[in-house]
Amino acid sequence: MHPSMTLRSGKSVYSGYSTNRNAGMAIMMKIFIIKALNMGLNPR
């Protein structure tokens, strides 16, 4: 495989991983906030 091709595929994999990680973090934050709001609205 050509070195530039390897570098390009590595960059695309890294960028996709970083975007997926950011989306996952946002989803986790949303779930955490919703859970915190539910806990605050429904104290047990």
N, C-alpha and C. Protein backbone atom coordinates (compact mmCIF):
# COMPACT_ATOMS: atom_id res chain seq x y z
N MET A 1 0.86 -1.20 0.00
CA MET A 1 0.00 0.00 0.00
C MET A 1 0.89 1.24 0.00
N HIS A 2 0.41 2.25 -0.67
CA HIS A 2 1.18 3.49 -0.76
C HIS A 2 1.14 4.23 0.58
N PRO A 3 2.26 4.83 1.00
CA PRO A 3 2.28 5.52 2.30
C PRO A 3 1.22 6.61 2.42
N SER A 4 1.01 7.38 1.34
CA SER A 4 0.02 8.46 1.41
C SER A 4 -1.38 7.87 1.60
N MET A 5 -1.65 6.73 0.94
CA MET A 5 -2.96 6.09 1.11
C MET A 5 -3.13 5.65 2.58
N THR A 6 -2.09 5.08 3.15
CA THR A 6 -2.16 4.65 4.55
C THR A 6 -2.42 5.84 5.45
N LEU A 7 -1.71 6.94 5.20
CA LEU A 7 -1.87 8.12 6.03
C LEU A 7 -3.28 8.67 5.89
N ARG A 8 -3.80 8.68 4.66
CA ARG A 8 -5.15 9.22 4.44
C ARG A 8 -6.19 8.37 5.17
N SER A 9 -6.08 7.04 5.03
CA SER A 9 -7.06 6.17 5.68
C SER A 9 -6.94 6.31 7.20
N GLY A 10 -5.72 6.44 7.70
CA GLY A 10 -5.55 6.63 9.13
C GLY A 10 -6.20 7.92 9.60
N LYS A 11 -6.04 8.99 8.80
CA LYS A 11 -6.67 10.26 9.17
C LYS A 11 -8.18 10.14 9.17
N SER A 12 -8.73 9.47 8.15
CA SER A 12 -10.19 9.34 8.08
C SER A 12 -10.70 8.51 9.26
N VAL A 13 -9.98 7.45 9.60
CA VAL A 13 -10.39 6.62 10.74
C VAL A 13 -10.33 7.44 12.01
N TYR A 14 -9.27 8.24 12.16
CA TYR A 14 -9.13 9.04 13.39
C TYR A 14 -10.22 10.10 13.46
N SER A 15 -10.51 10.76 12.33
CA SER A 15 -11.55 11.80 12.36
C SER A 15 -12.91 11.18 12.65
N GLY A 16 -13.20 10.03 12.07
CA GLY A 16 -14.47 9.35 12.35
C GLY A 16 -14.55 8.94 13.80
N TYR A 17 -13.42 8.47 14.35
CA TYR A 17 -13.42 8.05 15.76
C TYR A 17 -13.66 9.26 16.65
N SER A 18 -13.01 10.40 16.35
CA SER A 18 -13.17 11.58 17.20
C SER A 18 -14.60 12.10 17.13
N THR A 19 -15.21 12.11 15.95
CA THR A 19 -16.59 12.59 15.85
C THR A 19 -17.53 11.64 16.59
N ASN A 20 -17.30 10.33 16.45
CA ASN A 20 -18.14 9.37 17.16
C ASN A 20 -17.99 9.54 18.66
N ARG A 21 -16.75 9.78 19.12
CA ARG A 21 -16.53 9.95 20.55
C ARG A 21 -17.23 11.21 21.04
N ASN A 22 -17.16 12.30 20.26
CA ASN A 22 -17.83 13.53 20.67
C ASN A 22 -19.34 13.32 20.72
N ALA A 23 -19.89 12.62 19.72
CA ALA A 23 -21.33 12.35 19.72
C ALA A 23 -21.70 11.49 20.92
N GLY A 24 -20.88 10.50 21.21
CA GLY A 24 -21.14 9.65 22.37
C GLY A 24 -21.11 10.44 23.66
N MET A 25 -20.15 11.36 23.77
CA MET A 25 -20.07 12.19 24.97
C MET A 25 -21.32 13.05 25.09
N ALA A 26 -21.79 13.62 23.98
CA ALA A 26 -22.99 14.47 24.01
C ALA A 26 -24.20 13.65 24.44
N ILE A 27 -24.32 12.44 23.90
CA ILE A 27 -25.46 11.57 24.27
C ILE A 27 -25.39 11.22 25.75
N MET A 28 -24.19 10.89 26.24
CA MET A 28 -24.03 10.56 27.66
C MET A 28 -24.40 11.76 28.52
N MET A 29 -23.99 12.96 28.11
CA MET A 29 -24.33 14.16 28.88
C MET A 29 -25.83 14.37 28.89
N LYS A 30 -26.49 14.17 27.74
CA LYS A 30 -27.96 14.33 27.69
C LYS A 30 -28.63 13.34 28.62
N ILE A 31 -28.21 12.08 28.58
CA ILE A 31 -28.80 11.06 29.45
C ILE A 31 -28.56 11.42 30.91
N PHE A 32 -27.35 11.88 31.22
CA PHE A 32 -27.02 12.24 32.60
C PHE A 32 -27.89 13.40 33.06
N ILE A 33 -28.06 14.42 32.20
CA ILE A 33 -28.87 15.59 32.57
C ILE A 33 -30.33 15.17 32.76
N ILE A 34 -30.84 14.33 31.86
CA ILE A 34 -32.24 13.88 31.97
C ILE A 34 -32.42 13.09 33.27
N LYS A 35 -31.45 12.22 33.59
CA LYS A 35 -31.55 11.46 34.84
C LYS A 35 -31.52 12.40 36.04
N ALA A 36 -30.64 13.39 36.00
CA ALA A 36 -30.53 14.33 37.12
C ALA A 36 -31.84 15.11 37.26
N LEU A 37 -32.44 15.52 36.13
CA LEU A 37 -33.71 16.25 36.20
C LEU A 37 -34.80 15.35 36.77
N ASN A 38 -34.83 14.08 36.34
CA ASN A 38 -35.84 13.16 36.87
C ASN A 38 -35.64 12.96 38.37
N MET A 39 -34.39 12.85 38.81
CA MET A 39 -34.12 12.68 40.23
C MET A 39 -34.59 13.92 40.99
N GLY A 40 -34.36 15.11 40.43
CA GLY A 40 -34.76 16.34 41.10
C GLY A 40 -36.27 16.49 41.13
N LEU A 41 -36.95 16.05 40.05
CA LEU A 41 -38.41 16.18 40.00
C LEU A 41 -39.08 15.11 40.85
N ASN A 42 -38.46 13.93 40.93
CA ASN A 42 -39.07 12.82 41.68
C ASN A 42 -38.14 12.39 42.81
N PRO A 43 -38.05 13.16 43.87
CA PRO A 43 -37.18 12.74 44.98
C PRO A 43 -37.75 11.53 45.69
N ARG A 44 -36.89 10.58 45.99
CA ARG A 44 -37.36 9.36 46.65
C ARG A 44 -36.90 9.35 48.09
